Structures are given as structure tokens and as C-alpha cells.
Amino acid sequence: MGLLSKGFVFLAAAAMGAALATRPDVNQVHALYADRLIAQLEDGAIPFTDLVAAASLLVACTISPEQCAREIERTASLRYTNRYLWASVRLQAPGIEAVNCTAALNRLFC
């Protein structure tokens, strides 16, 4: 095995180790989802699918985006599937469009 081949094997092993070490766990995914919700609430970019649920959230949303995100995150269902180097995540909250995300490198990609 040549030096270049050994270098590629070492690089691949290092990349897999880094991905494994930076895959967010379930609690980190909850925190990342709350941060994402706060950013969407501040931008007004939440895709509501049920106006009744959206109306009930407006009370919390008028207080602050953080309070609103906390309420949404509290009622959200999360399906976390460990894929070893990353995690597949499905997040769904009442009245809000379901989101499929990938959790890797300490981030949530949706």
C-alpha cells in the first residue's frame, strides 16, 4: 500500500471519528430545534398548517419569541434515529409543518 493510499485511509478514519464525535444527541437536538424556532419566529417564517393551533400559540408568541419557542418545543414530537456518523431527526409540533432534519457536526440541517 503506497503512501498516498495510507494517507487517504487515515484521512477517512479521521473524518469518520470527527463526525462521530460531533453528532448531537437527543438533548442537543432539542436545544438546536428551539434555537431554530426562535430564529424562525423572529423572521416570521414559521409555516403554520393549523390555524387553531397557531392562534393558541399567539398568546405565547406575544410575550417573546423565546417563550413561544419553548411552548412549541414542549409540544413537539421528535423521532431520533442514530445513523452512527449522523442522526436522522423528524420534528413535528401541533399546527406546524413537520420537518425532516439531519443532525451532524453539532448542527441541525433541515
N, C-alpha and C. Protein backbone atom coordinates (compact mmCIF):
# COMPACT_ATOMS: atom_id res chain seq x y z
N MET A 1 0.86 -1.17 0.00
CA MET A 1 0.00 0.00 0.00
C MET A 1 0.90 1.23 0.00
N GLY A 2 0.67 2.09 -0.94
CA GLY A 2 1.52 3.26 -1.07
C GLY A 2 1.22 4.32 -0.02
N LEU A 3 2.08 5.29 0.03
CA LEU A 3 1.94 6.38 0.99
C LEU A 3 0.65 7.17 0.75
N LEU A 4 0.30 7.37 -0.49
CA LEU A 4 -0.93 8.11 -0.82
C LEU A 4 -2.17 7.34 -0.36
N SER A 5 -2.17 6.03 -0.56
CA SER A 5 -3.29 5.20 -0.12
C SER A 5 -3.43 5.23 1.40
N LYS A 6 -2.31 5.14 2.10
CA LYS A 6 -2.34 5.20 3.56
C LYS A 6 -2.85 6.56 4.04
N GLY A 7 -2.48 7.60 3.32
CA GLY A 7 -2.94 8.95 3.66
C GLY A 7 -4.45 9.07 3.51
N PHE A 8 -5.00 8.49 2.44
CA PHE A 8 -6.44 8.53 2.24
C PHE A 8 -7.18 7.73 3.31
N VAL A 9 -6.65 6.57 3.67
CA VAL A 9 -7.27 5.75 4.71
C VAL A 9 -7.26 6.51 6.03
N PHE A 10 -6.13 7.11 6.36
CA PHE A 10 -6.02 7.88 7.60
C PHE A 10 -6.97 9.07 7.59
N LEU A 11 -7.06 9.76 6.47
CA LEU A 11 -7.96 10.91 6.35
C LEU A 11 -9.42 10.48 6.50
N ALA A 12 -9.79 9.35 5.89
CA ALA A 12 -11.17 8.86 6.01
C ALA A 12 -11.48 8.46 7.45
N ALA A 13 -10.53 7.81 8.12
CA ALA A 13 -10.73 7.42 9.52
C ALA A 13 -10.86 8.65 10.41
N ALA A 14 -10.05 9.66 10.17
CA ALA A 14 -10.13 10.89 10.96
C ALA A 14 -11.46 11.61 10.73
N ALA A 15 -11.93 11.63 9.48
CA ALA A 15 -13.21 12.28 9.18
C ALA A 15 -14.36 11.53 9.84
N MET A 16 -14.32 10.20 9.84
CA MET A 16 -15.38 9.43 10.49
C MET A 16 -15.35 9.65 12.00
N GLY A 17 -14.17 9.72 12.58
CA GLY A 17 -14.06 9.98 14.02
C GLY A 17 -14.59 11.35 14.38
N ALA A 18 -14.27 12.34 13.55
CA ALA A 18 -14.76 13.70 13.80
C ALA A 18 -16.28 13.76 13.68
N ALA A 19 -16.83 13.09 12.68
CA ALA A 19 -18.30 13.08 12.52
C ALA A 19 -18.97 12.38 13.69
N LEU A 20 -18.39 11.28 14.14
CA LEU A 20 -18.96 10.55 15.27
C LEU A 20 -18.90 11.38 16.56
N ALA A 21 -17.81 12.10 16.73
CA ALA A 21 -17.63 12.90 17.95
C ALA A 21 -18.51 14.14 17.97
N THR A 22 -18.96 14.60 16.82
CA THR A 22 -19.74 15.84 16.76
C THR A 22 -21.20 15.61 16.43
N ARG A 23 -21.68 14.37 16.46
CA ARG A 23 -23.11 14.10 16.23
C ARG A 23 -23.89 14.51 17.48
N PRO A 24 -24.84 15.43 17.35
CA PRO A 24 -25.62 15.86 18.51
C PRO A 24 -26.49 14.73 19.06
N ASP A 25 -26.61 14.67 20.39
CA ASP A 25 -27.51 13.69 20.99
C ASP A 25 -28.92 14.28 21.04
N VAL A 26 -29.86 13.54 21.63
CA VAL A 26 -31.27 13.95 21.63
C VAL A 26 -31.45 15.29 22.34
N ASN A 27 -30.82 15.49 23.48
CA ASN A 27 -30.97 16.75 24.21
C ASN A 27 -30.40 17.93 23.42
N GLN A 28 -29.29 17.71 22.75
CA GLN A 28 -28.72 18.77 21.93
C GLN A 28 -29.62 19.09 20.74
N VAL A 29 -30.27 18.07 20.18
CA VAL A 29 -31.20 18.30 19.07
C VAL A 29 -32.38 19.14 19.54
N HIS A 30 -32.89 18.87 20.74
CA HIS A 30 -33.98 19.70 21.29
C HIS A 30 -33.54 21.16 21.40
N ALA A 31 -32.33 21.39 21.90
CA ALA A 31 -31.82 22.76 22.04
C ALA A 31 -31.61 23.41 20.68
N LEU A 32 -31.08 22.67 19.71
CA LEU A 32 -30.89 23.21 18.37
C LEU A 32 -32.23 23.53 17.71
N TYR A 33 -33.24 22.69 17.95
CA TYR A 33 -34.57 22.93 17.39
C TYR A 33 -35.18 24.19 18.01
N ALA A 34 -35.00 24.38 19.32
CA ALA A 34 -35.53 25.59 19.97
C ALA A 34 -34.85 26.83 19.40
N ASP A 35 -33.54 26.77 19.19
CA ASP A 35 -32.83 27.91 18.58
C ASP A 35 -33.34 28.19 17.17
N ARG A 36 -33.60 27.12 16.42
CA ARG A 36 -34.12 27.28 15.06
C ARG A 36 -35.51 27.92 15.08
N LEU A 37 -36.35 27.48 16.03
CA LEU A 37 -37.69 28.06 16.15
C LEU A 37 -37.63 29.53 16.50
N ILE A 38 -36.75 29.91 17.42
CA ILE A 38 -36.62 31.32 17.81
C ILE A 38 -36.24 32.15 16.60
N ALA A 39 -35.29 31.66 15.80
CA ALA A 39 -34.87 32.40 14.60
C ALA A 39 -36.03 32.52 13.61
N GLN A 40 -36.80 31.45 13.44
CA GLN A 40 -37.94 31.50 12.51
C GLN A 40 -39.03 32.42 13.03
N LEU A 41 -39.26 32.42 14.33
CA LEU A 41 -40.29 33.29 14.90
C LEU A 41 -39.91 34.76 14.76
N GLU A 42 -38.64 35.05 14.95
CA GLU A 42 -38.19 36.44 14.79
C GLU A 42 -38.30 36.90 13.34
N ASP A 43 -38.13 35.95 12.40
CA ASP A 43 -38.25 36.28 10.98
C ASP A 43 -39.68 36.18 10.47
N GLY A 44 -40.57 35.59 11.27
CA GLY A 44 -41.95 35.37 10.83
C GLY A 44 -42.05 34.29 9.78
N ALA A 45 -41.19 33.29 9.85
CA ALA A 45 -41.11 32.27 8.81
C ALA A 45 -41.61 30.91 9.25
N ILE A 46 -42.45 30.83 10.28
CA ILE A 46 -42.99 29.54 10.73
C ILE A 46 -44.12 29.14 9.79
N PRO A 47 -44.05 27.97 9.16
CA PRO A 47 -45.12 27.51 8.26
C PRO A 47 -46.24 26.81 9.04
N PHE A 48 -47.23 27.58 9.49
CA PHE A 48 -48.35 27.00 10.23
C PHE A 48 -49.26 26.23 9.28
N THR A 49 -49.72 25.06 9.73
CA THR A 49 -50.64 24.26 8.92
C THR A 49 -52.03 24.23 9.54
N ASP A 50 -52.13 24.55 10.81
CA ASP A 50 -53.41 24.51 11.52
C ASP A 50 -53.61 25.85 12.21
N LEU A 51 -54.60 26.60 11.75
CA LEU A 51 -54.79 27.95 12.28
C LEU A 51 -55.27 27.95 13.72
N VAL A 52 -55.99 26.92 14.16
CA VAL A 52 -56.43 26.85 15.55
C VAL A 52 -55.23 26.72 16.48
N ALA A 53 -54.31 25.83 16.12
CA ALA A 53 -53.09 25.67 16.92
C ALA A 53 -52.25 26.93 16.86
N ALA A 54 -52.21 27.57 15.69
CA ALA A 54 -51.44 28.80 15.55
C ALA A 54 -52.02 29.90 16.42
N ALA A 55 -53.34 29.99 16.50
CA ALA A 55 -53.98 31.01 17.32
C ALA A 55 -53.68 30.80 18.79
N SER A 56 -53.65 29.54 19.22
CA SER A 56 -53.34 29.28 20.63
C SER A 56 -51.88 29.61 20.95
N LEU A 57 -51.02 29.52 19.97
CA LEU A 57 -49.61 29.87 20.19
C LEU A 57 -49.37 31.37 20.19
N LEU A 58 -50.29 32.12 19.60
CA LEU A 58 -50.09 33.56 19.51
C LEU A 58 -49.98 34.21 20.89
N VAL A 59 -50.66 33.67 21.87
CA VAL A 59 -50.57 34.22 23.23
C VAL A 59 -49.14 34.11 23.72
N ALA A 60 -48.54 32.95 23.57
CA ALA A 60 -47.15 32.78 23.99
C ALA A 60 -46.21 33.60 23.11
N CYS A 61 -46.54 33.72 21.84
CA CYS A 61 -45.66 34.44 20.92
C CYS A 61 -45.67 35.95 21.16
N THR A 62 -46.76 36.48 21.73
CA THR A 62 -46.78 37.92 22.00
C THR A 62 -45.89 38.26 23.19
N ILE A 63 -45.64 37.28 24.06
CA ILE A 63 -44.77 37.54 25.21
C ILE A 63 -43.34 37.71 24.73
N SER A 64 -42.81 36.68 24.05
CA SER A 64 -41.46 36.75 23.49
C SER A 64 -41.24 35.56 22.57
N PRO A 65 -40.33 35.68 21.61
CA PRO A 65 -40.02 34.54 20.74
C PRO A 65 -39.49 33.34 21.54
N GLU A 66 -38.75 33.60 22.60
CA GLU A 66 -38.20 32.51 23.42
C GLU A 66 -39.32 31.73 24.10
N GLN A 67 -40.32 32.46 24.64
CA GLN A 67 -41.46 31.80 25.29
C GLN A 67 -42.26 30.99 24.27
N CYS A 68 -42.46 31.55 23.10
CA CYS A 68 -43.19 30.87 22.04
C CYS A 68 -42.45 29.61 21.61
N ALA A 69 -41.15 29.71 21.41
CA ALA A 69 -40.34 28.56 21.02
C ALA A 69 -40.37 27.49 22.10
N ARG A 70 -40.36 27.91 23.36
CA ARG A 70 -40.41 26.96 24.47
C ARG A 70 -41.73 26.19 24.44
N GLU A 71 -42.85 26.91 24.17
CA GLU A 71 -44.16 26.25 24.10
C GLU A 71 -44.23 25.27 22.93
N ILE A 72 -43.73 25.69 21.78
CA ILE A 72 -43.75 24.82 20.61
C ILE A 72 -42.87 23.60 20.85
N GLU A 73 -41.68 23.82 21.38
CA GLU A 73 -40.73 22.73 21.61
C GLU A 73 -41.26 21.76 22.66
N ARG A 74 -42.02 22.26 23.62
CA ARG A 74 -42.60 21.42 24.67
C ARG A 74 -43.62 20.44 24.10
N THR A 75 -44.34 20.86 23.07
CA THR A 75 -45.38 20.01 22.49
C THR A 75 -44.89 19.24 21.26
N ALA A 76 -43.67 19.48 20.84
CA ALA A 76 -43.15 18.84 19.64
C ALA A 76 -42.83 17.38 19.89
N SER A 77 -43.09 16.57 18.89
CA SER A 77 -42.65 15.17 18.96
C SER A 77 -41.38 15.05 18.13
N LEU A 78 -40.45 14.28 18.64
CA LEU A 78 -39.15 14.14 17.99
C LEU A 78 -38.87 12.66 17.78
N ARG A 79 -38.54 12.30 16.56
CA ARG A 79 -38.12 10.93 16.26
C ARG A 79 -36.64 10.99 15.87
N TYR A 80 -35.80 10.43 16.71
CA TYR A 80 -34.35 10.49 16.57
C TYR A 80 -33.86 9.11 16.17
N THR A 81 -33.20 9.00 15.03
CA THR A 81 -32.66 7.73 14.56
C THR A 81 -31.15 7.86 14.42
N ASN A 82 -30.43 7.10 15.22
CA ASN A 82 -28.98 7.14 15.21
C ASN A 82 -28.45 6.45 13.95
N ARG A 83 -27.67 7.16 13.19
CA ARG A 83 -27.04 6.60 11.99
C ARG A 83 -25.52 6.51 12.17
N TYR A 84 -25.06 6.47 13.39
CA TYR A 84 -23.66 6.37 13.80
C TYR A 84 -22.86 7.63 13.52
N LEU A 85 -22.74 8.05 12.27
CA LEU A 85 -21.97 9.26 11.98
C LEU A 85 -22.85 10.51 11.96
N TRP A 86 -24.15 10.34 11.86
CA TRP A 86 -25.11 11.43 11.91
C TRP A 86 -26.40 10.86 12.49
N ALA A 87 -27.40 11.69 12.63
CA ALA A 87 -28.71 11.23 13.11
C ALA A 87 -29.79 11.80 12.21
N SER A 88 -30.77 10.97 11.91
CA SER A 88 -31.95 11.44 11.17
C SER A 88 -32.98 11.85 12.21
N VAL A 89 -33.55 13.03 12.02
CA VAL A 89 -34.48 13.57 13.00
C VAL A 89 -35.75 14.02 12.29
N ARG A 90 -36.90 13.65 12.84
CA ARG A 90 -38.19 14.15 12.35
C ARG A 90 -38.84 14.89 13.50
N LEU A 91 -39.11 16.16 13.28
CA LEU A 91 -39.71 17.01 14.30
C LEU A 91 -41.10 17.44 13.84
N GLN A 92 -42.06 17.29 14.75
CA GLN A 92 -43.42 17.70 14.42
C GLN A 92 -44.07 18.31 15.65
N ALA A 93 -44.64 19.48 15.46
CA ALA A 93 -45.37 20.18 16.52
C ALA A 93 -46.78 20.44 16.02
N PRO A 94 -47.75 20.49 16.93
CA PRO A 94 -49.13 20.74 16.51
C PRO A 94 -49.26 22.08 15.77
N GLY A 95 -49.84 22.02 14.59
CA GLY A 95 -50.08 23.23 13.82
C GLY A 95 -48.91 23.72 13.00
N ILE A 96 -47.79 23.02 13.09
CA ILE A 96 -46.60 23.44 12.35
C ILE A 96 -46.19 22.30 11.44
N GLU A 97 -45.74 22.65 10.24
CA GLU A 97 -45.32 21.67 9.27
C GLU A 97 -44.22 20.76 9.84
N ALA A 98 -44.32 19.46 9.59
CA ALA A 98 -43.30 18.51 10.04
C ALA A 98 -41.99 18.79 9.31
N VAL A 99 -40.88 18.58 10.01
CA VAL A 99 -39.57 18.87 9.45
C VAL A 99 -38.69 17.63 9.57
N ASN A 100 -38.03 17.27 8.48
CA ASN A 100 -37.04 16.20 8.49
C ASN A 100 -35.67 16.84 8.46
N CYS A 101 -34.83 16.48 9.41
CA CYS A 101 -33.52 17.10 9.53
C CYS A 101 -32.43 16.04 9.67
N THR A 102 -31.22 16.48 9.49
CA THR A 102 -30.04 15.66 9.73
C THR A 102 -29.23 16.37 10.80
N ALA A 103 -28.89 15.63 11.85
CA ALA A 103 -28.08 16.19 12.93
C ALA A 103 -26.66 15.66 12.76
N ALA A 104 -25.73 16.57 12.53
CA ALA A 104 -24.32 16.21 12.36
C ALA A 104 -23.47 17.45 12.59
N LEU A 105 -22.24 17.20 12.96
CA LEU A 105 -21.26 18.29 13.14
C LEU A 105 -21.79 19.37 14.09
N ASN A 106 -22.46 18.94 15.16
CA ASN A 106 -23.05 19.83 16.16
C ASN A 106 -24.03 20.83 15.57
N ARG A 107 -24.68 20.46 14.48
CA ARG A 107 -25.68 21.33 13.83
C ARG A 107 -26.90 20.52 13.45
N LEU A 108 -27.96 21.23 13.14
CA LEU A 108 -29.20 20.62 12.69
C LEU A 108 -29.47 21.14 11.29
N PHE A 109 -29.36 20.27 10.29
CA PHE A 109 -29.57 20.66 8.90
C PHE A 109 -30.97 20.24 8.48
N CYS A 110 -31.81 21.23 8.16
CA CYS A 110 -33.20 20.95 7.78
C CYS A 110 -33.48 21.46 6.39
